[in-house]
Amino acid sequence: MACAKFIGQMDDIYEDLKDEGLEAWVIIINDQNAEPPTKEFCKAYKEGYDLKMRILYDPNLVTAIYGDKETSIVTNESGVIVHEAHSDLPEVIRKAIEDELAADYGECSNPAACGE
C-alpha cells in the first residue's frame, strides 16, 4: 500500500522534527475497502504501522477537497498554508517543513504563498 509507505516516511520526518516544533497529523478518509473509516480502523492502523503522529479520521470526507492522493499541507503558526503537495515525495515536504520551522515567528517561509 503506497499510502502506508508514504505515511511511514512522514512519521519519520515527524519524529525527526517534533522537538523543533513540528505538529503533524494523519487524516484518514477511507478504510481498506474505500469506505468511511471508523475509530476502530484508525486505532488499528496506527498500532499496526507503529505511528507516532496523531491519527484523525474524516468519515464525512470533508478533507477530500484536498485530493485523493497523498496530500500534505504545511502551515505557519497563523494557519496560512505555505506549502501544499499532492505527491509522495517526502524530501520535498521535509524541505518545506524545515524552511517553515527555520522562519522567525510571524515570518512566512514562502512569501508568494503568504501574499507578500
PDB file of N, CA and C in Angstrom:
ATOM      1  N   MET A   1       0.844  -1.179   0.000  1.00  0.00           N
ATOM      2  CA  MET A   1       0.000   0.000   0.000  1.00  0.00           C
ATOM      3  C   MET A   1       0.889   1.241   0.000  1.00  0.00           C
ATOM      4  N   ALA A   2       0.865   1.991  -1.099  1.00  0.00           N
ATOM      5  CA  ALA A   2       1.707   3.182  -1.241  1.00  0.00           C
ATOM      6  C   ALA A   2       1.400   4.196  -0.148  1.00  0.00           C
ATOM      7  N   CYS A   3       0.151   4.337   0.203  1.00  0.00           N
ATOM      8  CA  CYS A   3      -0.250   5.297   1.225  1.00  0.00           C
ATOM      9  C   CYS A   3       0.440   4.979   2.556  1.00  0.00           C
ATOM     10  N   ALA A   4       0.479   3.705   2.915  1.00  0.00           N
ATOM     11  CA  ALA A   4       1.104   3.312   4.177  1.00  0.00           C
ATOM     12  C   ALA A   4       2.598   3.621   4.164  1.00  0.00           C
ATOM     13  N   LYS A   5       3.264   3.406   3.025  1.00  0.00           N
ATOM     14  CA  LYS A   5       4.685   3.720   2.915  1.00  0.00           C
ATOM     15  C   LYS A   5       4.904   5.217   3.088  1.00  0.00           C
ATOM     16  N   PHE A   6       4.077   6.015   2.408  1.00  0.00           N
ATOM     17  CA  PHE A   6       4.182   7.467   2.498  1.00  0.00           C
ATOM     18  C   PHE A   6       3.960   7.931   3.933  1.00  0.00           C
ATOM     19  N   ILE A   7       2.931   7.426   4.565  1.00  0.00           N
ATOM     20  CA  ILE A   7       2.646   7.830   5.947  1.00  0.00           C
ATOM     21  C   ILE A   7       3.796   7.438   6.862  1.00  0.00           C
ATOM     22  N   GLY A   8       4.386   6.281   6.635  1.00  0.00           N
ATOM     23  CA  GLY A   8       5.548   5.873   7.423  1.00  0.00           C
ATOM     24  C   GLY A   8       6.712   6.833   7.246  1.00  0.00           C
ATOM     25  N   GLN A   9       6.937   7.295   6.005  1.00  0.00           N
ATOM     26  CA  GLN A   9       8.003   8.262   5.747  1.00  0.00           C
ATOM     27  C   GLN A   9       7.698   9.593   6.426  1.00  0.00           C
ATOM     28  N   MET A  10       6.447  10.008   6.396  1.00  0.00           N
ATOM     29  CA  MET A  10       6.065  11.255   7.058  1.00  0.00           C
ATOM     30  C   MET A  10       6.202  11.119   8.573  1.00  0.00           C
ATOM     31  N   ASP A  11       5.912   9.944   9.099  1.00  0.00           N
ATOM     32  CA  ASP A  11       6.063   9.701  10.533  1.00  0.00           C
ATOM     33  C   ASP A  11       7.540   9.821  10.929  1.00  0.00           C
ATOM     34  N   ASP A  12       8.431   9.360  10.056  1.00  0.00           N
ATOM     35  CA  ASP A  12       9.863   9.506  10.324  1.00  0.00           C
ATOM     36  C   ASP A  12      10.252  10.982  10.378  1.00  0.00           C
ATOM     37  N   ILE A  13       9.726  11.778   9.440  1.00  0.00           N
ATOM     38  CA  ILE A  13      10.003  13.217   9.438  1.00  0.00           C
ATOM     39  C   ILE A  13       9.468  13.841  10.730  1.00  0.00           C
ATOM     40  N   TYR A  14       8.266  13.443  11.124  1.00  0.00           N
ATOM     41  CA  TYR A  14       7.676  13.947  12.366  1.00  0.00           C
ATOM     42  C   TYR A  14       8.583  13.632  13.556  1.00  0.00           C
ATOM     43  N   GLU A  15       9.061  12.404  13.635  1.00  0.00           N
ATOM     44  CA  GLU A  15       9.936  12.015  14.741  1.00  0.00           C
ATOM     45  C   GLU A  15      11.212  12.859  14.763  1.00  0.00           C
ATOM     46  N   ASP A  16      11.768  13.120  13.572  1.00  0.00           N
ATOM     47  CA  ASP A  16      12.996  13.900  13.478  1.00  0.00           C
ATOM     48  C   ASP A  16      12.799  15.366  13.887  1.00  0.00           C
ATOM     49  N   LEU A  17      11.629  15.932  13.612  1.00  0.00           N
ATOM     50  CA  LEU A  17      11.435  17.376  13.749  1.00  0.00           C
ATOM     51  C   LEU A  17      10.455  17.813  14.842  1.00  0.00           C
ATOM     52  N   LYS A  18       9.840  16.876  15.538  1.00  0.00           N
ATOM     53  CA  LYS A  18       8.833  17.270  16.531  1.00  0.00           C
ATOM     54  C   LYS A  18       9.413  18.111  17.656  1.00  0.00           C
ATOM     55  N   ASP A  19      10.660  17.869  18.033  1.00  0.00           N
ATOM     56  CA  ASP A  19      11.267  18.656  19.102  1.00  0.00           C
ATOM     57  C   ASP A  19      11.593  20.084  18.663  1.00  0.00           C
ATOM     58  N   GLU A  20      11.557  20.329  17.341  1.00  0.00           N
ATOM     59  CA  GLU A  20      11.781  21.679  16.812  1.00  0.00           C
ATOM     60  C   GLU A  20      10.465  22.442  16.662  1.00  0.00           C
ATOM     61  N   GLY A  21       9.346  21.782  17.005  1.00  0.00           N
ATOM     62  CA  GLY A  21       8.056  22.457  16.960  1.00  0.00           C
ATOM     63  C   GLY A  21       7.074  21.908  15.942  1.00  0.00           C
ATOM     64  N   LEU A  22       7.468  20.870  15.193  1.00  0.00           N
ATOM     65  CA  LEU A  22       6.556  20.314  14.196  1.00  0.00           C
ATOM     66  C   LEU A  22       5.368  19.632  14.867  1.00  0.00           C
ATOM     67  N   GLU A  23       4.190  19.991  14.420  1.00  0.00           N
ATOM     68  CA  GLU A  23       2.974  19.301  14.804  1.00  0.00           C
ATOM     69  C   GLU A  23       2.442  18.661  13.532  1.00  0.00           C
ATOM     70  N   ALA A  24       2.073  17.394  13.591  1.00  0.00           N
ATOM     71  CA  ALA A  24       1.637  16.694  12.378  1.00  0.00           C
ATOM     72  C   ALA A  24       0.529  15.708  12.715  1.00  0.00           C
ATOM     73  N   TRP A  25      -0.372  15.548  11.760  1.00  0.00           N
ATOM     74  CA  TRP A  25      -1.477  14.616  11.891  1.00  0.00           C
ATOM     75  C   TRP A  25      -1.650  13.865  10.587  1.00  0.00           C
ATOM     76  N   VAL A  26      -2.155  12.669  10.696  1.00  0.00           N
ATOM     77  CA  VAL A  26      -2.587  11.898   9.536  1.00  0.00           C
ATOM     78  C   VAL A  26      -4.102  11.929   9.557  1.00  0.00           C
ATOM     79  N   ILE A  27      -4.701  12.298   8.443  1.00  0.00           N
ATOM     80  CA  ILE A  27      -6.163  12.276   8.345  1.00  0.00           C
ATOM     81  C   ILE A  27      -6.533  11.162   7.378  1.00  0.00           C
ATOM     82  N   ILE A  28      -7.252  10.184   7.869  1.00  0.00           N
ATOM     83  CA  ILE A  28      -7.665   9.042   7.053  1.00  0.00           C
ATOM     84  C   ILE A  28      -9.093   9.275   6.578  1.00  0.00           C
ATOM     85  N   ILE A  29      -9.281   9.178   5.252  1.00  0.00           N
ATOM     86  CA  ILE A  29     -10.615   9.424   4.704  1.00  0.00           C
ATOM     87  C   ILE A  29     -11.304   8.152   4.213  1.00  0.00           C
ATOM     88  N   ASN A  30     -10.556   7.050   4.083  1.00  0.00           N
ATOM     89  CA  ASN A  30     -11.222   5.768   3.792  1.00  0.00           C
ATOM     90  C   ASN A  30     -10.439   4.615   4.393  1.00  0.00           C
ATOM     91  N   ASP A  31     -11.153   3.532   4.594  1.00  0.00           N
ATOM     92  CA  ASP A  31     -10.522   2.327   5.114  1.00  0.00           C
ATOM     93  C   ASP A  31     -10.011   1.485   3.942  1.00  0.00           C
ATOM     94  N   GLN A  32      -9.590   0.264   4.216  1.00  0.00           N
ATOM     95  CA  GLN A  32      -9.027  -0.607   3.183  1.00  0.00           C
ATOM     96  C   GLN A  32     -10.042  -0.997   2.107  1.00  0.00           C
ATOM     97  N   ASN A  33     -11.317  -0.791   2.351  1.00  0.00           N
ATOM     98  CA  ASN A  33     -12.368  -1.105   1.382  1.00  0.00           C
ATOM     99  C   ASN A  33     -12.952   0.150   0.732  1.00  0.00           C
ATOM    100  N   ALA A  34     -12.252   1.267   0.864  1.00  0.00           N
ATOM    101  CA  ALA A  34     -12.697   2.555   0.327  1.00  0.00           C
ATOM    102  C   ALA A  34     -14.016   3.018   0.953  1.00  0.00           C
ATOM    103  N   GLU A  35     -14.254   2.596   2.176  1.00  0.00           N
ATOM    104  CA  GLU A  35     -15.419   3.005   2.952  1.00  0.00           C
ATOM    105  C   GLU A  35     -14.981   4.059   3.971  1.00  0.00           C
ATOM    106  N   PRO A  36     -15.916   4.834   4.494  1.00  0.00           N
ATOM    107  CA  PRO A  36     -15.541   5.791   5.544  1.00  0.00           C
ATOM    108  C   PRO A  36     -14.869   5.075   6.712  1.00  0.00           C
ATOM    109  N   PRO A  37     -13.793   5.623   7.241  1.00  0.00           N
ATOM    110  CA  PRO A  37     -13.085   4.969   8.331  1.00  0.00           C
ATOM    111  C   PRO A  37     -13.848   5.062   9.649  1.00  0.00           C
ATOM    112  N   THR A  38     -13.556   4.136  10.512  1.00  0.00           N
ATOM    113  CA  THR A  38     -14.116   4.139  11.863  1.00  0.00           C
ATOM    114  C   THR A  38     -12.994   4.408  12.861  1.00  0.00           C
ATOM    115  N   LYS A  39     -13.372   4.744  14.063  1.00  0.00           N
ATOM    116  CA  LYS A  39     -12.398   4.949  15.131  1.00  0.00           C
ATOM    117  C   LYS A  39     -11.560   3.683  15.331  1.00  0.00           C
ATOM    118  N   GLU A  40     -12.213   2.537  15.279  1.00  0.00           N
ATOM    119  CA  GLU A  40     -11.529   1.271  15.485  1.00  0.00           C
ATOM    120  C   GLU A  40     -10.504   1.006  14.381  1.00  0.00           C
ATOM    121  N   PHE A  41     -10.893   1.292  13.115  1.00  0.00           N
ATOM    122  CA  PHE A  41      -9.965   1.102  12.000  1.00  0.00           C
ATOM    123  C   PHE A  41      -8.734   1.979  12.192  1.00  0.00           C
ATOM    124  N   CYS A  42      -8.935   3.243  12.550  1.00  0.00           N
ATOM    125  CA  CYS A  42      -7.823   4.177  12.704  1.00  0.00           C
ATOM    126  C   CYS A  42      -6.903   3.772  13.845  1.00  0.00           C
ATOM    127  N   LYS A  43      -7.473   3.300  14.920  1.00  0.00           N
ATOM    128  CA  LYS A  43      -6.661   2.832  16.047  1.00  0.00           C
ATOM    129  C   LYS A  43      -5.812   1.641  15.624  1.00  0.00           C
ATOM    130  N   ALA A  44      -6.415   0.701  14.912  1.00  0.00           N
ATOM    131  CA  ALA A  44      -5.681  -0.474  14.437  1.00  0.00           C
ATOM    132  C   ALA A  44      -4.608  -0.072  13.425  1.00  0.00           C
ATOM    133  N   TYR A  45      -4.918   0.896  12.577  1.00  0.00           N
ATOM    134  CA  TYR A  45      -3.959   1.382  11.578  1.00  0.00           C
ATOM    135  C   TYR A  45      -2.739   1.979  12.271  1.00  0.00           C
ATOM    136  N   LYS A  46      -2.980   2.833  13.250  1.00  0.00           N
ATOM    137  CA  LYS A  46      -1.887   3.477  13.977  1.00  0.00           C
ATOM    138  C   LYS A  46      -1.016   2.438  14.678  1.00  0.00           C
ATOM    139  N   GLU A  47      -1.662   1.502  15.339  1.00  0.00           N
ATOM    140  CA  GLU A  47      -0.912   0.464  16.055  1.00  0.00           C
ATOM    141  C   GLU A  47      -0.199  -0.472  15.083  1.00  0.00           C
ATOM    142  N   GLY A  48      -0.873  -0.829  13.987  1.00  0.00           N
ATOM    143  CA  GLY A  48      -0.303  -1.761  13.012  1.00  0.00           C
ATOM    144  C   GLY A  48       0.945  -1.228  12.336  1.00  0.00           C
ATOM    145  N   TYR A  49       1.009   0.086  12.134  1.00  0.00           N
ATOM    146  CA  TYR A  49       2.176   0.702  11.500  1.00  0.00           C
ATOM    147  C   TYR A  49       3.071   1.415  12.502  1.00  0.00           C
ATOM    148  N   ASP A  50       2.749   1.291  13.790  1.00  0.00           N
ATOM    149  CA  ASP A  50       3.538   1.883  14.865  1.00  0.00           C
ATOM    150  C   ASP A  50       3.799   3.371  14.630  1.00  0.00           C
ATOM    151  N   LEU A  51       2.751   4.101  14.305  1.00  0.00           N
ATOM    152  CA  LEU A  51       2.870   5.523  14.006  1.00  0.00           C
ATOM    153  C   LEU A  51       2.916   6.356  15.286  1.00  0.00           C
ATOM    154  N   LYS A  52       3.709   7.405  15.242  1.00  0.00           N
ATOM    155  CA  LYS A  52       3.808   8.324  16.379  1.00  0.00           C
ATOM    156  C   LYS A  52       2.891   9.532  16.206  1.00  0.00           C
ATOM    157  N   MET A  53       2.624   9.898  14.935  1.00  0.00           N
ATOM    158  CA  MET A  53       1.740  11.035  14.680  1.00  0.00           C
ATOM    159  C   MET A  53       0.321  10.702  15.126  1.00  0.00           C
ATOM    160  N   ARG A  54      -0.406  11.734  15.423  1.00  0.00           N
ATOM    161  CA  ARG A  54      -1.815  11.579  15.783  1.00  0.00           C
ATOM    162  C   ARG A  54      -2.619  11.207  14.538  1.00  0.00           C
ATOM    163  N   ILE A  55      -3.548  10.291  14.704  1.00  0.00           N
ATOM    164  CA  ILE A  55      -4.420   9.866  13.610  1.00  0.00           C
ATOM    165  C   ILE A  55      -5.793  10.504  13.805  1.00  0.00           C
ATOM    166  N   LEU A  56      -6.254  11.189  12.777  1.00  0.00           N
ATOM    167  CA  LEU A  56      -7.603  11.739  12.763  1.00  0.00           C
ATOM    168  C   LEU A  56      -8.359  11.035  11.645  1.00  0.00           C
ATOM    169  N   TYR A  57      -9.649  10.933  11.783  1.00  0.00           N
ATOM    170  CA  TYR A  57     -10.410  10.323  10.694  1.00  0.00           C
ATOM    171  C   TYR A  57     -11.549  11.224  10.291  1.00  0.00           C
ATOM    172  N   ASP A  58     -11.864  11.134   9.001  1.00  0.00           N
ATOM    173  CA  ASP A  58     -12.840  12.025   8.387  1.00  0.00           C
ATOM    174  C   ASP A  58     -13.880  11.190   7.643  1.00  0.00           C
ATOM    175  N   PRO A  59     -14.831  10.595   8.363  1.00  0.00           N
ATOM    176  CA  PRO A  59     -15.824   9.738   7.706  1.00  0.00           C
ATOM    177  C   PRO A  59     -16.773  10.509   6.790  1.00  0.00           C
ATOM    178  N   ASN A  60     -16.831  11.837   6.932  1.00  0.00           N
ATOM    179  CA  ASN A  60     -17.711  12.643   6.077  1.00  0.00           C
ATOM    180  C   ASN A  60     -16.985  13.211   4.859  1.00  0.00           C
ATOM    181  N   LEU A  61     -15.709  12.869   4.713  1.00  0.00           N
ATOM    182  CA  LEU A  61     -14.891  13.268   3.559  1.00  0.00           C
ATOM    183  C   LEU A  61     -14.762  14.781   3.381  1.00  0.00           C
ATOM    184  N   VAL A  62     -14.845  15.529   4.458  1.00  0.00           N
ATOM    185  CA  VAL A  62     -14.715  16.981   4.385  1.00  0.00           C
ATOM    186  C   VAL A  62     -13.337  17.364   3.840  1.00  0.00           C
ATOM    187  N   THR A  63     -12.304  16.639   4.249  1.00  0.00           N
ATOM    188  CA  THR A  63     -10.950  16.965   3.804  1.00  0.00           C
ATOM    189  C   THR A  63     -10.628  16.398   2.424  1.00  0.00           C
ATOM    190  N   ALA A  64     -11.530  15.677   1.818  1.00  0.00           N
ATOM    191  CA  ALA A  64     -11.300  15.108   0.482  1.00  0.00           C
ATOM    192  C   ALA A  64     -11.145  16.198  -0.577  1.00  0.00           C
ATOM    193  N   ILE A  65     -11.546  17.418  -0.271  1.00  0.00           N
ATOM    194  CA  ILE A  65     -11.390  18.512  -1.236  1.00  0.00           C
ATOM    195  C   ILE A  65      -9.924  18.767  -1.561  1.00  0.00           C
ATOM    196  N   TYR A  66      -9.023  18.284  -0.706  1.00  0.00           N
ATOM    197  CA  TYR A  66      -7.596  18.486  -0.944  1.00  0.00           C
ATOM    198  C   TYR A  66      -7.011  17.442  -1.887  1.00  0.00           C
ATOM    199  N   GLY A  67      -7.786  16.461  -2.297  1.00  0.00           N
ATOM    200  CA  GLY A  67      -7.300  15.478  -3.257  1.00  0.00           C
ATOM    201  C   GLY A  67      -7.404  14.060  -2.739  1.00  0.00           C
ATOM    202  N   ASP A  68      -7.308  13.127  -3.682  1.00  0.00           N
ATOM    203  CA  ASP A  68      -7.431  11.719  -3.310  1.00  0.00           C
ATOM    204  C   ASP A  68      -6.071  11.027  -3.249  1.00  0.00           C
ATOM    205  N   LYS A  69      -4.999  11.737  -3.525  1.00  0.00           N
ATOM    206  CA  LYS A  69      -3.654  11.210  -3.394  1.00  0.00           C
ATOM    207  C   LYS A  69      -3.087  11.769  -2.102  1.00  0.00           C
ATOM    208  N   GLU A  70      -1.940  11.258  -1.718  1.00  0.00           N
ATOM    209  CA  GLU A  70      -1.298  11.784  -0.523  1.00  0.00           C
ATOM    210  C   GLU A  70      -1.200  13.299  -0.650  1.00  0.00           C
ATOM    211  N   THR A  71      -1.787  13.983   0.290  1.00  0.00           N
ATOM    212  CA  THR A  71      -1.781  15.440   0.283  1.00  0.00           C
ATOM    213  C   THR A  71      -1.157  15.919   1.579  1.00  0.00           C
ATOM    214  N   SER A  72      -0.176  16.774   1.459  1.00  0.00           N
ATOM    215  CA  SER A  72       0.484  17.320   2.636  1.00  0.00           C
ATOM    216  C   SER A  72       0.374  18.831   2.596  1.00  0.00           C
ATOM    217  N   ILE A  73       0.037  19.396   3.724  1.00  0.00           N
ATOM    218  CA  ILE A  73      -0.110  20.839   3.850  1.00  0.00           C
ATOM    219  C   ILE A  73       0.788  21.294   4.992  1.00  0.00           C
ATOM    220  N   VAL A  74       1.610  22.292   4.718  1.00  0.00           N
ATOM    221  CA  VAL A  74       2.457  22.897   5.738  1.00  0.00           C
ATOM    222  C   VAL A  74       1.910  24.297   5.970  1.00  0.00           C
ATOM    223  N   THR A  75       1.621  24.605   7.227  1.00  0.00           N
ATOM    224  CA  THR A  75       1.128  25.939   7.566  1.00  0.00           C
ATOM    225  C   THR A  75       2.101  26.614   8.524  1.00  0.00           C
ATOM    226  N   ASN A  76       1.989  27.926   8.582  1.00  0.00           N
ATOM    227  CA  ASN A  76       2.765  28.634   9.590  1.00  0.00           C
ATOM    228  C   ASN A  76       1.930  28.721  10.866  1.00  0.00           C
ATOM    229  N   GLU A  77       2.456  29.421  11.865  1.00  0.00           N
ATOM    230  CA  GLU A  77       1.762  29.480  13.157  1.00  0.00           C
ATOM    231  C   GLU A  77       0.429  30.206  13.080  1.00  0.00           C
ATOM    232  N   SER A  78       0.213  30.960  12.014  1.00  0.00           N
ATOM    233  CA  SER A  78      -1.069  31.657  11.831  1.00  0.00           C
ATOM    234  C   SER A  78      -2.080  30.827  11.040  1.00  0.00           C
ATOM    235  N   GLY A  79      -1.675  29.648  10.617  1.00  0.00           N
ATOM    236  CA  GLY A  79      -2.572  28.798   9.850  1.00  0.00           C
ATOM    237  C   GLY A  79      -2.549  29.055   8.355  1.00  0.00           C
ATOM    238  N   VAL A  80      -1.642  29.916   7.895  1.00  0.00           N
ATOM    239  CA  VAL A  80      -1.521  30.198   6.468  1.00  0.00           C
ATOM    240  C   VAL A  80      -0.795  29.030   5.799  1.00  0.00           C
ATOM    241  N   ILE A  81      -1.368  28.505   4.729  1.00  0.00           N
ATOM    242  CA  ILE A  81      -0.734  27.409   4.003  1.00  0.00           C
ATOM    243  C   ILE A  81       0.469  27.964   3.252  1.00  0.00           C
ATOM    244  N   VAL A  82       1.669  27.475   3.596  1.00  0.00           N
ATOM    245  CA  VAL A  82       2.887  27.926   2.934  1.00  0.00           C
ATOM    246  C   VAL A  82       3.408  26.896   1.943  1.00  0.00           C
ATOM    247  N   HIS A  83       2.864  25.691   1.998  1.00  0.00           N
ATOM    248  CA  HIS A  83       3.249  24.641   1.046  1.00  0.00           C
ATOM    249  C   HIS A  83       2.138  23.604   1.005  1.00  0.00           C
ATOM    250  N   GLU A  84       1.768  23.223  -0.202  1.00  0.00           N
ATOM    251  CA  GLU A  84       0.778  22.164  -0.395  1.00  0.00           C
ATOM    252  C   GLU A  84       1.325  21.219  -1.446  1.00  0.00           C
ATOM    253  N   ALA A  85       1.332  19.945  -1.148  1.00  0.00           N
ATOM    254  CA  ALA A  85       1.877  18.956  -2.081  1.00  0.00           C
ATOM    255  C   ALA A  85       0.877  17.828  -2.280  1.00  0.00           C
ATOM    256  N   HIS A  86       0.713  17.470  -3.530  1.00  0.00           N
ATOM    257  CA  HIS A  86      -0.116  16.316  -3.878  1.00  0.00           C
ATOM    258  C   HIS A  86       0.809  15.276  -4.497  1.00  0.00           C
ATOM    259  N   SER A  87       1.634  14.745  -3.655  1.00  0.00           N
ATOM    260  CA  SER A  87       2.601  13.774  -4.153  1.00  0.00           C
ATOM    261  C   SER A  87       3.088  12.934  -2.979  1.00  0.00           C
ATOM    262  N   ASP A  88       3.921  11.990  -3.327  1.00  0.00           N
ATOM    263  CA  ASP A  88       4.507  11.161  -2.290  1.00  0.00           C
ATOM    264  C   ASP A  88       6.029  11.345  -2.275  1.00  0.00           C
ATOM    265  N   LEU A  89       6.452  12.606  -2.330  1.00  0.00           N
ATOM    266  CA  LEU A  89       7.877  12.933  -2.297  1.00  0.00           C
ATOM    267  C   LEU A  89       8.232  13.535  -0.936  1.00  0.00           C
ATOM    268  N   PRO A  90       8.526  12.693   0.039  1.00  0.00           N
ATOM    269  CA  PRO A  90       8.782  13.194   1.396  1.00  0.00           C
ATOM    270  C   PRO A  90       9.920  14.199   1.478  1.00  0.00           C
ATOM    271  N   GLU A  91      10.923  14.089   0.609  1.00  0.00           N
ATOM    272  CA  GLU A  91      12.041  15.019   0.698  1.00  0.00           C
ATOM    273  C   GLU A  91      11.615  16.450   0.353  1.00  0.00           C
ATOM    274  N   VAL A  92      10.652  16.603  -0.552  1.00  0.00           N
ATOM    275  CA  VAL A  92      10.137  17.930  -0.899  1.00  0.00           C
ATOM    276  C   VAL A  92       9.339  18.496   0.276  1.00  0.00           C
ATOM    277  N   ILE A  93       8.535  17.664   0.878  1.00  0.00           N
ATOM    278  CA  ILE A  93       7.709  18.087   2.014  1.00  0.00           C
ATOM    279  C   ILE A  93       8.601  18.407   3.216  1.00  0.00           C
ATOM    280  N   ARG A  94       9.606  17.562   3.438  1.00  0.00           N
ATOM    281  CA  ARG A  94      10.528  17.806   4.542  1.00  0.00           C
ATOM    282  C   ARG A  94      11.208  19.166   4.392  1.00  0.00           C
ATOM    283  N   LYS A  95      11.640  19.512   3.183  1.00  0.00           N
ATOM    284  CA  LYS A  95      12.283  20.809   2.925  1.00  0.00           C
ATOM    285  C   LYS A  95      11.338  21.957   3.272  1.00  0.00           C
ATOM    286  N   ALA A  96      10.071  21.851   2.866  1.00  0.00           N
ATOM    287  CA  ALA A  96       9.094  22.903   3.180  1.00  0.00           C
ATOM    288  C   ALA A  96       8.895  23.017   4.693  1.00  0.00           C
ATOM    289  N   ILE A  97       8.863  21.893   5.378  1.00  0.00           N
ATOM    290  CA  ILE A  97       8.708  21.900   6.842  1.00  0.00           C
ATOM    291  C   ILE A  97       9.928  22.553   7.490  1.00  0.00           C
ATOM    292  N   GLU A  98      11.111  22.151   7.069  1.00  0.00           N
ATOM    293  CA  GLU A  98      12.329  22.707   7.649  1.00  0.00           C
ATOM    294  C   GLU A  98      12.425  24.212   7.399  1.00  0.00           C
ATOM    295  N   ASP A  99      12.038  24.653   6.187  1.00  0.00           N
ATOM    296  CA  ASP A  99      12.044  26.080   5.894  1.00  0.00           C
ATOM    297  C   ASP A  99      11.109  26.839   6.830  1.00  0.00           C
ATOM    298  N   GLU A 100       9.928  26.289   7.061  1.00  0.00           N
ATOM    299  CA  GLU A 100       8.966  26.974   7.929  1.00  0.00           C
ATOM    300  C   GLU A 100       9.421  26.958   9.387  1.00  0.00           C
ATOM    301  N   LEU A 101       9.999  25.857   9.833  1.00  0.00           N
ATOM    302  CA  LEU A 101      10.497  25.801  11.208  1.00  0.00           C
ATOM    303  C   LEU A 101      11.654  26.780  11.418  1.00  0.00           C
ATOM    304  N   ALA A 102      12.423  27.038  10.360  1.00  0.00           N
ATOM    305  CA  ALA A 102      13.559  27.955  10.465  1.00  0.00           C
ATOM    306  C   ALA A 102      13.127  29.424  10.409  1.00  0.00           C
ATOM    307  N   ALA A 103      11.941  29.686   9.890  1.00  0.00           N
ATOM    308  CA  ALA A 103      11.453  31.067   9.790  1.00  0.00           C
ATOM    309  C   ALA A 103      11.166  31.620  11.185  1.00  0.00           C
ATOM    310  N   ASP A 104      11.405  32.894  11.358  1.00  0.00           N
ATOM    311  CA  ASP A 104      11.087  33.538  12.627  1.00  0.00           C
ATOM    312  C   ASP A 104       9.579  33.548  12.843  1.00  0.00           C
ATOM    313  N   TYR A 105       9.175  33.658  14.097  1.00  0.00           N
ATOM    314  CA  TYR A 105       7.754  33.733  14.419  1.00  0.00           C
ATOM    315  C   TYR A 105       7.135  34.919  13.684  1.00  0.00           C
ATOM    316  N   GLY A 106       6.064  34.656  12.983  1.00  0.00           N
ATOM    317  CA  GLY A 106       5.383  35.710  12.225  1.00  0.00           C
ATOM    318  C   GLY A 106       5.930  35.912  10.829  1.00  0.00           C
ATOM    319  N   GLU A 107       7.070  35.294  10.551  1.00  0.00           N
ATOM    320  CA  GLU A 107       7.673  35.375   9.218  1.00  0.00           C
ATOM    321  C   GLU A 107       7.160  34.208   8.381  1.00  0.00           C
ATOM    322  N   CYS A 108       6.938  34.445   7.112  1.00  0.00           N
ATOM    323  CA  CYS A 108       6.461  33.410   6.212  1.00  0.00           C
ATOM    324  C   CYS A 108       7.634  32.846   5.427  1.00  0.00           C
ATOM    325  N   SER A 109       7.761  31.535   5.384  1.00  0.00           N
ATOM    326  CA  SER A 109       8.861  30.912   4.656  1.00  0.00           C
ATOM    327  C   SER A 109       8.634  30.930   3.144  1.00  0.00           C
ATOM    328  N   ASN A 110       7.422  31.229   2.722  1.00  0.00           N
ATOM    329  CA  ASN A 110       7.085  31.254   1.306  1.00  0.00           C
ATOM    330  C   ASN A 110       6.279  32.516   1.037  1.00  0.00           C
ATOM    331  N   PRO A 111       6.934  33.635   0.798  1.00  0.00           N
ATOM    332  CA  PRO A 111       6.226  34.911   0.618  1.00  0.00           C
ATOM    333  C   PRO A 111       5.121  34.878  -0.440  1.00  0.00           C
ATOM    334  N   ALA A 112       5.331  34.144  -1.526  1.00  0.00           N
ATOM    335  CA  ALA A 112       4.310  34.082  -2.574  1.00  0.00           C
ATOM    336  C   ALA A 112       3.032  33.428  -2.042  1.00  0.00           C
ATOM    337  N   ALA A 113       3.174  32.391  -1.228  1.00  0.00           N
ATOM    338  CA  ALA A 113       2.006  31.710  -0.675  1.00  0.00           C
ATOM    339  C   ALA A 113       1.316  32.561   0.384  1.00  0.00           C
ATOM    340  N   CYS A 114       2.052  33.443   1.010  1.00  0.00           N
ATOM    341  CA  CYS A 114       1.508  34.282   2.067  1.00  0.00           C
ATOM    342  C   CYS A 114       1.003  35.619   1.551  1.00  0.00           C
ATOM    343  N   GLY A 115       1.036  35.803   0.239  1.00  0.00           N
ATOM    344  CA  GLY A 115       0.519  37.039  -0.352  1.00  0.00           C
ATOM    345  C   GLY A 115       1.428  38.229  -0.167  1.00  0.00           C
ATOM    346  N   GLU A 116       2.694  37.972   0.006  1.00  0.00           N
ATOM    347  CA  GLU A 116       3.648  39.076   0.197  1.00  0.00           C
ATOM    348  C   GLU A 116       4.327  39.430  -1.111  1.00  0.00           C
TER     349      GLU A 116
END
